[in-house]
Amino acid sequence: MDIKIEAPNHPHQEKLKAYYEDKLNQKYGSKAYITSIDVRVLEAKDDCVKVSIQTKPEGGSMLYADHTDPNEEVALKEVIRKLNHQIDKYEAHNHFKN
């Protein structure tokens, strides 16, 4: 799975990339129909962090989710939860190849 992470001006680039790659591989590594994931981590207003994830499953349309929170880890967990809901709907419609 190809994971692209953009986090302009983030103070811990290497740790961030390793942490996000680990979390995303644990969550989506077994799903063969997800071949790439794009992640953006941005500073938002009021000392919050906005995490967004975008992926396009094989044979499906683009899936996108984002979440803004003062805690970056909470933002990541919430955006994964939101994306999981979309992936569950995708799987329920049997759009992926076995």
PDB file of N, CA and C in Angstrom:
ATOM      1  N   MET A   1       0.849  -1.169   0.000  1.00  0.00           N
ATOM      2  CA  MET A   1       0.000   0.000   0.000  1.00  0.00           C
ATOM      3  C   MET A   1       0.900   1.240   0.000  1.00  0.00           C
ATOM      4  N   ASP A   2       0.556   2.180  -0.841  1.00  0.00           N
ATOM      5  CA  ASP A   2       1.306   3.425  -0.968  1.00  0.00           C
ATOM      6  C   ASP A   2       0.663   4.474  -0.064  1.00  0.00           C
ATOM      7  N   ILE A   3       1.432   4.984   0.886  1.00  0.00           N
ATOM      8  CA  ILE A   3       0.925   5.990   1.813  1.00  0.00           C
ATOM      9  C   ILE A   3       1.718   7.272   1.613  1.00  0.00           C
ATOM     10  N   LYS A   4       1.018   8.349   1.273  1.00  0.00           N
ATOM     11  CA  LYS A   4       1.642   9.663   1.111  1.00  0.00           C
ATOM     12  C   LYS A   4       1.167  10.548   2.247  1.00  0.00           C
ATOM     13  N   ILE A   5       2.130  11.152   2.942  1.00  0.00           N
ATOM     14  CA  ILE A   5       1.797  11.988   4.089  1.00  0.00           C
ATOM     15  C   ILE A   5       2.376  13.376   3.874  1.00  0.00           C
ATOM     16  N   GLU A   6       1.516  14.373   3.934  1.00  0.00           N
ATOM     17  CA  GLU A   6       1.935  15.765   3.848  1.00  0.00           C
ATOM     18  C   GLU A   6       1.624  16.427   5.172  1.00  0.00           C
ATOM     19  N   ALA A   7       2.652  17.019   5.761  1.00  0.00           N
ATOM     20  CA  ALA A   7       2.468  17.723   7.029  1.00  0.00           C
ATOM     21  C   ALA A   7       3.376  18.954   7.046  1.00  0.00           C
ATOM     22  N   PRO A   8       3.013  19.960   6.250  1.00  0.00           N
ATOM     23  CA  PRO A   8       3.862  21.147   6.187  1.00  0.00           C
ATOM     24  C   PRO A   8       4.005  21.805   7.555  1.00  0.00           C
ATOM     25  N   ASN A   9       5.214  22.165   7.866  1.00  0.00           N
ATOM     26  CA  ASN A   9       5.554  22.867   9.113  1.00  0.00           C
ATOM     27  C   ASN A   9       5.351  22.032  10.379  1.00  0.00           C
ATOM     28  N   HIS A  10       5.152  20.726  10.242  1.00  0.00           N
ATOM     29  CA  HIS A  10       5.031  19.892  11.442  1.00  0.00           C
ATOM     30  C   HIS A  10       6.422  19.718  12.045  1.00  0.00           C
ATOM     31  N   PRO A  11       6.575  19.881  13.358  1.00  0.00           N
ATOM     32  CA  PRO A  11       7.906  19.854  13.962  1.00  0.00           C
ATOM     33  C   PRO A  11       8.570  18.469  14.005  1.00  0.00           C
ATOM     34  N   HIS A  12       7.818  17.395  13.887  1.00  0.00           N
ATOM     35  CA  HIS A  12       8.384  16.047  14.024  1.00  0.00           C
ATOM     36  C   HIS A  12       8.057  15.212  12.790  1.00  0.00           C
ATOM     37  N   GLN A  13       8.590  15.579  11.649  1.00  0.00           N
ATOM     38  CA  GLN A  13       8.252  14.953  10.370  1.00  0.00           C
ATOM     39  C   GLN A  13       8.474  13.437  10.360  1.00  0.00           C
ATOM     40  N   GLU A  14       9.648  12.992  10.755  1.00  0.00           N
ATOM     41  CA  GLU A  14       9.973  11.560  10.663  1.00  0.00           C
ATOM     42  C   GLU A  14       9.131  10.720  11.624  1.00  0.00           C
ATOM     43  N   LYS A  15       8.962  11.185  12.854  1.00  0.00           N
ATOM     44  CA  LYS A  15       8.134  10.462  13.825  1.00  0.00           C
ATOM     45  C   LYS A  15       6.684  10.419  13.365  1.00  0.00           C
ATOM     46  N   LEU A  16       6.200  11.542  12.841  1.00  0.00           N
ATOM     47  CA  LEU A  16       4.825  11.613  12.356  1.00  0.00           C
ATOM     48  C   LEU A  16       4.607  10.602  11.242  1.00  0.00           C
ATOM     49  N   LYS A  17       5.502  10.573  10.264  1.00  0.00           N
ATOM     50  CA  LYS A  17       5.349   9.666   9.134  1.00  0.00           C
ATOM     51  C   LYS A  17       5.391   8.209   9.585  1.00  0.00           C
ATOM     52  N   ALA A  18       6.313   7.874  10.471  1.00  0.00           N
ATOM     53  CA  ALA A  18       6.412   6.497  10.962  1.00  0.00           C
ATOM     54  C   ALA A  18       5.143   6.106  11.728  1.00  0.00           C
ATOM     55  N   TYR A  19       4.651   6.988  12.570  1.00  0.00           N
ATOM     56  CA  TYR A  19       3.461   6.708  13.377  1.00  0.00           C
ATOM     57  C   TYR A  19       2.224   6.526  12.488  1.00  0.00           C
ATOM     58  N   TYR A  20       2.023   7.438  11.552  1.00  0.00           N
ATOM     59  CA  TYR A  20       0.848   7.366  10.674  1.00  0.00           C
ATOM     60  C   TYR A  20       0.917   6.136   9.769  1.00  0.00           C
ATOM     61  N   GLU A  21       2.097   5.847   9.218  1.00  0.00           N
ATOM     62  CA  GLU A  21       2.231   4.659   8.364  1.00  0.00           C
ATOM     63  C   GLU A  21       1.917   3.395   9.149  1.00  0.00           C
ATOM     64  N   ASP A  22       2.397   3.319  10.390  1.00  0.00           N
ATOM     65  CA  ASP A  22       2.125   2.153  11.229  1.00  0.00           C
ATOM     66  C   ASP A  22       0.632   2.009  11.492  1.00  0.00           C
ATOM     67  N   LYS A  23      -0.016   3.095  11.907  1.00  0.00           N
ATOM     68  CA  LYS A  23      -1.454   3.054  12.204  1.00  0.00           C
ATOM     69  C   LYS A  23      -2.272   2.676  10.973  1.00  0.00           C
ATOM     70  N   LEU A  24      -1.970   3.280   9.832  1.00  0.00           N
ATOM     71  CA  LEU A  24      -2.741   3.032   8.617  1.00  0.00           C
ATOM     72  C   LEU A  24      -2.493   1.632   8.070  1.00  0.00           C
ATOM     73  N   ASN A  25      -1.265   1.136   8.172  1.00  0.00           N
ATOM     74  CA  ASN A  25      -0.993  -0.236   7.735  1.00  0.00           C
ATOM     75  C   ASN A  25      -1.699  -1.244   8.624  1.00  0.00           C
ATOM     76  N   GLN A  26      -1.743  -0.989   9.931  1.00  0.00           N
ATOM     77  CA  GLN A  26      -2.473  -1.883  10.840  1.00  0.00           C
ATOM     78  C   GLN A  26      -3.951  -1.922  10.478  1.00  0.00           C
ATOM     79  N   LYS A  27      -4.507  -0.776  10.153  1.00  0.00           N
ATOM     80  CA  LYS A  27      -5.944  -0.666   9.916  1.00  0.00           C
ATOM     81  C   LYS A  27      -6.349  -1.139   8.522  1.00  0.00           C
ATOM     82  N   TYR A  28      -5.569  -0.767   7.504  1.00  0.00           N
ATOM     83  CA  TYR A  28      -5.990  -1.011   6.121  1.00  0.00           C
ATOM     84  C   TYR A  28      -5.047  -1.909   5.327  1.00  0.00           C
ATOM     85  N   GLY A  29      -3.979  -2.381   5.926  1.00  0.00           N
ATOM     86  CA  GLY A  29      -3.007  -3.211   5.219  1.00  0.00           C
ATOM     87  C   GLY A  29      -3.564  -4.516   4.696  1.00  0.00           C
ATOM     88  N   SER A  30      -4.584  -5.066   5.357  1.00  0.00           N
ATOM     89  CA  SER A  30      -5.175  -6.337   4.945  1.00  0.00           C
ATOM     90  C   SER A  30      -6.246  -6.164   3.865  1.00  0.00           C
ATOM     91  N   LYS A  31      -6.588  -4.931   3.550  1.00  0.00           N
ATOM     92  CA  LYS A  31      -7.627  -4.662   2.546  1.00  0.00           C
ATOM     93  C   LYS A  31      -6.944  -4.453   1.192  1.00  0.00           C
ATOM     94  N   ALA A  32      -6.900  -5.510   0.388  1.00  0.00           N
ATOM     95  CA  ALA A  32      -6.151  -5.486  -0.875  1.00  0.00           C
ATOM     96  C   ALA A  32      -6.691  -4.456  -1.854  1.00  0.00           C
ATOM     97  N   TYR A  33      -7.952  -4.099  -1.749  1.00  0.00           N
ATOM     98  CA  TYR A  33      -8.543  -3.146  -2.683  1.00  0.00           C
ATOM     99  C   TYR A  33      -8.168  -1.696  -2.373  1.00  0.00           C
ATOM    100  N   ILE A  34      -7.522  -1.462  -1.237  1.00  0.00           N
ATOM    101  CA  ILE A  34      -7.013  -0.125  -0.923  1.00  0.00           C
ATOM    102  C   ILE A  34      -5.523  -0.132  -1.233  1.00  0.00           C
ATOM    103  N   THR A  35      -5.156   0.519  -2.319  1.00  0.00           N
ATOM    104  CA  THR A  35      -3.765   0.482  -2.770  1.00  0.00           C
ATOM    105  C   THR A  35      -2.994   1.754  -2.425  1.00  0.00           C
ATOM    106  N   SER A  36      -3.704   2.852  -2.174  1.00  0.00           N
ATOM    107  CA  SER A  36      -3.013   4.087  -1.808  1.00  0.00           C
ATOM    108  C   SER A  36      -3.877   4.931  -0.877  1.00  0.00           C
ATOM    109  N   ILE A  37      -3.192   5.664  -0.020  1.00  0.00           N
ATOM    110  CA  ILE A  37      -3.844   6.557   0.938  1.00  0.00           C
ATOM    111  C   ILE A  37      -3.054   7.860   0.962  1.00  0.00           C
ATOM    112  N   ASP A  38      -3.769   8.975   0.875  1.00  0.00           N
ATOM    113  CA  ASP A  38      -3.150  10.294   0.994  1.00  0.00           C
ATOM    114  C   ASP A  38      -3.598  10.926   2.296  1.00  0.00           C
ATOM    115  N   VAL A  39      -2.632  11.421   3.071  1.00  0.00           N
ATOM    116  CA  VAL A  39      -2.917  12.028   4.371  1.00  0.00           C
ATOM    117  C   VAL A  39      -2.363  13.448   4.381  1.00  0.00           C
ATOM    118  N   ARG A  40      -3.144  14.361   4.933  1.00  0.00           N
ATOM    119  CA  ARG A  40      -2.678  15.737   5.144  1.00  0.00           C
ATOM    120  C   ARG A  40      -2.900  16.091   6.610  1.00  0.00           C
ATOM    121  N   VAL A  41      -1.868  16.679   7.197  1.00  0.00           N
ATOM    122  CA  VAL A  41      -1.934  17.144   8.579  1.00  0.00           C
ATOM    123  C   VAL A  41      -1.626  18.635   8.547  1.00  0.00           C
ATOM    124  N   LEU A  42      -2.609  19.442   8.925  1.00  0.00           N
ATOM    125  CA  LEU A  42      -2.457  20.891   8.870  1.00  0.00           C
ATOM    126  C   LEU A  42      -2.810  21.523  10.201  1.00  0.00           C
ATOM    127  N   GLU A  43      -2.164  22.643  10.488  1.00  0.00           N
ATOM    128  CA  GLU A  43      -2.561  23.416  11.656  1.00  0.00           C
ATOM    129  C   GLU A  43      -3.800  24.217  11.283  1.00  0.00           C
ATOM    130  N   ALA A  44      -4.831  24.104  12.090  1.00  0.00           N
ATOM    131  CA  ALA A  44      -6.075  24.826  11.850  1.00  0.00           C
ATOM    132  C   ALA A  44      -6.171  26.002  12.831  1.00  0.00           C
ATOM    133  N   LYS A  45      -7.308  26.637  12.856  1.00  0.00           N
ATOM    134  CA  LYS A  45      -7.512  27.776  13.754  1.00  0.00           C
ATOM    135  C   LYS A  45      -7.538  27.319  15.209  1.00  0.00           C
ATOM    136  N   ASP A  46      -7.276  28.251  16.104  1.00  0.00           N
ATOM    137  CA  ASP A  46      -7.394  28.039  17.552  1.00  0.00           C
ATOM    138  C   ASP A  46      -6.539  26.879  18.055  1.00  0.00           C
ATOM    139  N   ASP A  47      -5.306  26.754  17.574  1.00  0.00           N
ATOM    140  CA  ASP A  47      -4.367  25.710  18.011  1.00  0.00           C
ATOM    141  C   ASP A  47      -4.913  24.297  17.817  1.00  0.00           C
ATOM    142  N   CYS A  48      -5.667  24.094  16.787  1.00  0.00           N
ATOM    143  CA  CYS A  48      -6.194  22.771  16.457  1.00  0.00           C
ATOM    144  C   CYS A  48      -5.404  22.184  15.288  1.00  0.00           C
ATOM    145  N   VAL A  49      -5.511  20.885  15.142  1.00  0.00           N
ATOM    146  CA  VAL A  49      -4.857  20.171  14.050  1.00  0.00           C
ATOM    147  C   VAL A  49      -5.949  19.520  13.205  1.00  0.00           C
ATOM    148  N   LYS A  50      -5.848  19.681  11.886  1.00  0.00           N
ATOM    149  CA  LYS A  50      -6.798  19.060  10.972  1.00  0.00           C
ATOM    150  C   LYS A  50      -6.092  17.917  10.258  1.00  0.00           C
ATOM    151  N   VAL A  51      -6.650  16.720  10.412  1.00  0.00           N
ATOM    152  CA  VAL A  51      -6.124  15.530   9.742  1.00  0.00           C
ATOM    153  C   VAL A  51      -7.153  15.101   8.705  1.00  0.00           C
ATOM    154  N   SER A  52      -6.706  14.906   7.467  1.00  0.00           N
ATOM    155  CA  SER A  52      -7.606  14.437   6.420  1.00  0.00           C
ATOM    156  C   SER A  52      -6.986  13.235   5.724  1.00  0.00           C
ATOM    157  N   ILE A  53      -7.844  12.292   5.354  1.00  0.00           N
ATOM    158  CA  ILE A  53      -7.413  11.079   4.658  1.00  0.00           C
ATOM    159  C   ILE A  53      -8.275  10.916   3.413  1.00  0.00           C
ATOM    160  N   GLN A  54      -7.615  10.562   2.325  1.00  0.00           N
ATOM    161  CA  GLN A  54      -8.302  10.339   1.056  1.00  0.00           C
ATOM    162  C   GLN A  54      -7.778   9.038   0.451  1.00  0.00           C
ATOM    163  N   THR A  55      -8.681   8.226  -0.070  1.00  0.00           N
ATOM    164  CA  THR A  55      -8.296   6.995  -0.738  1.00  0.00           C
ATOM    165  C   THR A  55      -9.317   6.677  -1.825  1.00  0.00           C
ATOM    166  N   LYS A  56      -8.892   5.909  -2.800  1.00  0.00           N
ATOM    167  CA  LYS A  56      -9.805   5.490  -3.862  1.00  0.00           C
ATOM    168  C   LYS A  56      -9.688   3.976  -3.996  1.00  0.00           C
ATOM    169  N   PRO A  57     -10.661   3.234  -3.452  1.00  0.00           N
ATOM    170  CA  PRO A  57     -10.630   1.780  -3.562  1.00  0.00           C
ATOM    171  C   PRO A  57     -10.798   1.342  -5.020  1.00  0.00           C
ATOM    172  N   GLU A  58     -10.282   0.172  -5.331  1.00  0.00           N
ATOM    173  CA  GLU A  58     -10.409  -0.366  -6.687  1.00  0.00           C
ATOM    174  C   GLU A  58     -11.872  -0.435  -7.089  1.00  0.00           C
ATOM    175  N   GLY A  59     -12.192   0.134  -8.224  1.00  0.00           N
ATOM    176  CA  GLY A  59     -13.548   0.077  -8.747  1.00  0.00           C
ATOM    177  C   GLY A  59     -14.550   0.946  -8.025  1.00  0.00           C
ATOM    178  N   GLY A  60     -14.098   1.770  -7.121  1.00  0.00           N
ATOM    179  CA  GLY A  60     -15.016   2.612  -6.365  1.00  0.00           C
ATOM    180  C   GLY A  60     -14.717   4.082  -6.572  1.00  0.00           C
ATOM    181  N   SER A  61     -15.474   4.910  -5.889  1.00  0.00           N
ATOM    182  CA  SER A  61     -15.250   6.343  -5.970  1.00  0.00           C
ATOM    183  C   SER A  61     -14.365   6.797  -4.810  1.00  0.00           C
ATOM    184  N   MET A  62     -13.892   8.028  -4.898  1.00  0.00           N
ATOM    185  CA  MET A  62     -12.986   8.587  -3.904  1.00  0.00           C
ATOM    186  C   MET A  62     -13.659   8.617  -2.533  1.00  0.00           C
ATOM    187  N   LEU A  63     -12.932   8.196  -1.509  1.00  0.00           N
ATOM    188  CA  LEU A  63     -13.404   8.263  -0.125  1.00  0.00           C
ATOM    189  C   LEU A  63     -12.567   9.318   0.586  1.00  0.00           C
ATOM    190  N   TYR A  64     -13.219  10.199   1.333  1.00  0.00           N
ATOM    191  CA  TYR A  64     -12.521  11.294   2.000  1.00  0.00           C
ATOM    192  C   TYR A  64     -13.139  11.522   3.368  1.00  0.00           C
ATOM    193  N   ALA A  65     -12.267  11.780   4.343  1.00  0.00           N
ATOM    194  CA  ALA A  65     -12.737  12.143   5.679  1.00  0.00           C
ATOM    195  C   ALA A  65     -11.716  13.082   6.309  1.00  0.00           C
ATOM    196  N   ASP A  66     -12.204  13.977   7.164  1.00  0.00           N
ATOM    197  CA  ASP A  66     -11.287  14.834   7.914  1.00  0.00           C
ATOM    198  C   ASP A  66     -11.856  15.086   9.301  1.00  0.00           C
ATOM    199  N   HIS A  67     -10.985  15.518  10.186  1.00  0.00           N
ATOM    200  CA  HIS A  67     -11.401  15.851  11.542  1.00  0.00           C
ATOM    201  C   HIS A  67     -10.420  16.875  12.097  1.00  0.00           C
ATOM    202  N   THR A  68     -10.951  17.819  12.866  1.00  0.00           N
ATOM    203  CA  THR A  68     -10.139  18.851  13.495  1.00  0.00           C
ATOM    204  C   THR A  68     -10.287  18.741  15.002  1.00  0.00           C
ATOM    205  N   ASP A  69      -9.147  18.751  15.691  1.00  0.00           N
ATOM    206  CA  ASP A  69      -9.156  18.609  17.149  1.00  0.00           C
ATOM    207  C   ASP A  69      -7.877  19.239  17.699  1.00  0.00           C
ATOM    208  N   PRO A  70      -7.885  19.710  18.945  1.00  0.00           N
ATOM    209  CA  PRO A  70      -6.650  20.233  19.533  1.00  0.00           C
ATOM    210  C   PRO A  70      -5.580  19.139  19.702  1.00  0.00           C
ATOM    211  N   ASN A  71      -6.023  17.901  19.865  1.00  0.00           N
ATOM    212  CA  ASN A  71      -5.109  16.776  20.047  1.00  0.00           C
ATOM    213  C   ASN A  71      -4.960  16.042  18.711  1.00  0.00           C
ATOM    214  N   GLU A  72      -3.750  15.970  18.193  1.00  0.00           N
ATOM    215  CA  GLU A  72      -3.515  15.353  16.889  1.00  0.00           C
ATOM    216  C   GLU A  72      -3.874  13.872  16.877  1.00  0.00           C
ATOM    217  N   GLU A  73      -3.603  13.168  17.959  1.00  0.00           N
ATOM    218  CA  GLU A  73      -3.916  11.741  18.024  1.00  0.00           C
ATOM    219  C   GLU A  73      -5.424  11.502  17.987  1.00  0.00           C
ATOM    220  N   VAL A  74      -6.182  12.347  18.686  1.00  0.00           N
ATOM    221  CA  VAL A  74      -7.641  12.251  18.659  1.00  0.00           C
ATOM    222  C   VAL A  74      -8.149  12.532  17.249  1.00  0.00           C
ATOM    223  N   ALA A  75      -7.581  13.521  16.587  1.00  0.00           N
ATOM    224  CA  ALA A  75      -7.985  13.852  15.215  1.00  0.00           C
ATOM    225  C   ALA A  75      -7.738  12.665  14.290  1.00  0.00           C
ATOM    226  N   LEU A  76      -6.593  11.990  14.436  1.00  0.00           N
ATOM    227  CA  LEU A  76      -6.292  10.826  13.606  1.00  0.00           C
ATOM    228  C   LEU A  76      -7.283   9.696  13.875  1.00  0.00           C
ATOM    229  N   LYS A  77      -7.557   9.405  15.136  1.00  0.00           N
ATOM    230  CA  LYS A  77      -8.504   8.331  15.466  1.00  0.00           C
ATOM    231  C   LYS A  77      -9.896   8.621  14.916  1.00  0.00           C
ATOM    232  N   GLU A  78     -10.323   9.860  15.020  1.00  0.00           N
ATOM    233  CA  GLU A  78     -11.657  10.227  14.538  1.00  0.00           C
ATOM    234  C   GLU A  78     -11.751  10.167  13.022  1.00  0.00           C
ATOM    235  N   VAL A  79     -10.718  10.605  12.328  1.00  0.00           N
ATOM    236  CA  VAL A  79     -10.759  10.560  10.867  1.00  0.00           C
ATOM    237  C   VAL A  79     -10.727   9.104  10.391  1.00  0.00           C
ATOM    238  N   ILE A  80     -10.020   8.241  11.078  1.00  0.00           N
ATOM    239  CA  ILE A  80     -10.026   6.814  10.741  1.00  0.00           C
ATOM    240  C   ILE A  80     -11.420   6.232  10.988  1.00  0.00           C
ATOM    241  N   ARG A  81     -12.054   6.620  12.088  1.00  0.00           N
ATOM    242  CA  ARG A  81     -13.408   6.148  12.383  1.00  0.00           C
ATOM    243  C   ARG A  81     -14.379   6.572  11.281  1.00  0.00           C
ATOM    244  N   LYS A  82     -14.283   7.826  10.856  1.00  0.00           N
ATOM    245  CA  LYS A  82     -15.161   8.325   9.785  1.00  0.00           C
ATOM    246  C   LYS A  82     -14.899   7.592   8.467  1.00  0.00           C
ATOM    247  N   LEU A  83     -13.634   7.352   8.161  1.00  0.00           N
ATOM    248  CA  LEU A  83     -13.293   6.648   6.923  1.00  0.00           C
ATOM    249  C   LEU A  83     -13.754   5.193   6.992  1.00  0.00           C
ATOM    250  N   ASN A  84     -13.658   4.574   8.162  1.00  0.00           N
ATOM    251  CA  ASN A  84     -14.114   3.191   8.326  1.00  0.00           C
ATOM    252  C   ASN A  84     -15.588   3.052   7.980  1.00  0.00           C
ATOM    253  N   HIS A  85     -16.368   4.032   8.352  1.00  0.00           N
ATOM    254  CA  HIS A  85     -17.807   4.003   8.039  1.00  0.00           C
ATOM    255  C   HIS A  85     -18.010   3.955   6.526  1.00  0.00           C
ATOM    256  N   GLN A  86     -17.257   4.755   5.796  1.00  0.00           N
ATOM    257  CA  GLN A  86     -17.368   4.777   4.339  1.00  0.00           C
ATOM    258  C   GLN A  86     -16.874   3.463   3.729  1.00  0.00           C
ATOM    259  N   ILE A  87     -15.789   2.919   4.277  1.00  0.00           N
ATOM    260  CA  ILE A  87     -15.246   1.657   3.771  1.00  0.00           C
ATOM    261  C   ILE A  87     -16.220   0.516   4.043  1.00  0.00           C
ATOM    262  N   ASP A  88     -16.864   0.518   5.202  1.00  0.00           N
ATOM    263  CA  ASP A  88     -17.866  -0.509   5.509  1.00  0.00           C
ATOM    264  C   ASP A  88     -19.003  -0.472   4.492  1.00  0.00           C
ATOM    265  N   LYS A  89     -19.455   0.730   4.128  1.00  0.00           N
ATOM    266  CA  LYS A  89     -20.507   0.862   3.128  1.00  0.00           C
ATOM    267  C   LYS A  89     -20.013   0.345   1.771  1.00  0.00           C
ATOM    268  N   TYR A  90     -18.773   0.643   1.435  1.00  0.00           N
ATOM    269  CA  TYR A  90     -18.182   0.175   0.175  1.00  0.00           C
ATOM    270  C   TYR A  90     -18.145  -1.351   0.150  1.00  0.00           C
ATOM    271  N   GLU A  91     -17.695  -1.958   1.254  1.00  0.00           N
ATOM    272  CA  GLU A  91     -17.626  -3.418   1.343  1.00  0.00           C
ATOM    273  C   GLU A  91     -19.018  -4.042   1.288  1.00  0.00           C
ATOM    274  N   ALA A  92     -19.997  -3.418   1.926  1.00  0.00           N
ATOM    275  CA  ALA A  92     -21.353  -3.961   1.947  1.00  0.00           C
ATOM    276  C   ALA A  92     -21.973  -4.019   0.549  1.00  0.00           C
ATOM    277  N   HIS A  93     -21.554  -3.145  -0.308  1.00  0.00           N
ATOM    278  CA  HIS A  93     -22.069  -3.136  -1.675  1.00  0.00           C
ATOM    279  C   HIS A  93     -21.244  -4.019  -2.610  1.00  0.00           C
ATOM    280  N   ASN A  94     -20.272  -4.750  -2.054  1.00  0.00           N
ATOM    281  CA  ASN A  94     -19.445  -5.689  -2.808  1.00  0.00           C
ATOM    282  C   ASN A  94     -18.827  -5.081  -4.053  1.00  0.00           C
ATOM    283  N   HIS A  95     -18.284  -3.911  -3.912  1.00  0.00           N
ATOM    284  CA  HIS A  95     -17.644  -3.246  -5.039  1.00  0.00           C
ATOM    285  C   HIS A  95     -16.205  -3.716  -5.247  1.00  0.00           C
ATOM    286  N   PHE A  96     -15.662  -4.400  -4.272  1.00  0.00           N
ATOM    287  CA  PHE A  96     -14.259  -4.791  -4.395  1.00  0.00           C
ATOM    288  C   PHE A  96     -14.164  -6.202  -4.966  1.00  0.00           C
ATOM    289  N   LYS A  97     -12.988  -6.511  -5.537  1.00  0.00           N
ATOM    290  CA  LYS A  97     -12.756  -7.845  -6.126  1.00  0.00           C
ATOM    291  C   LYS A  97     -12.189  -8.758  -5.062  1.00  0.00           C
ATOM    292  N   ASN A  98     -12.702  -9.959  -4.977  1.00  0.00           N
ATOM    293  CA  ASN A  98     -12.213 -10.950  -4.004  1.00  0.00           C
ATOM    294  C   ASN A  98     -10.910 -11.537  -4.474  1.00  0.00           C
TER     295      ASN A  98
END
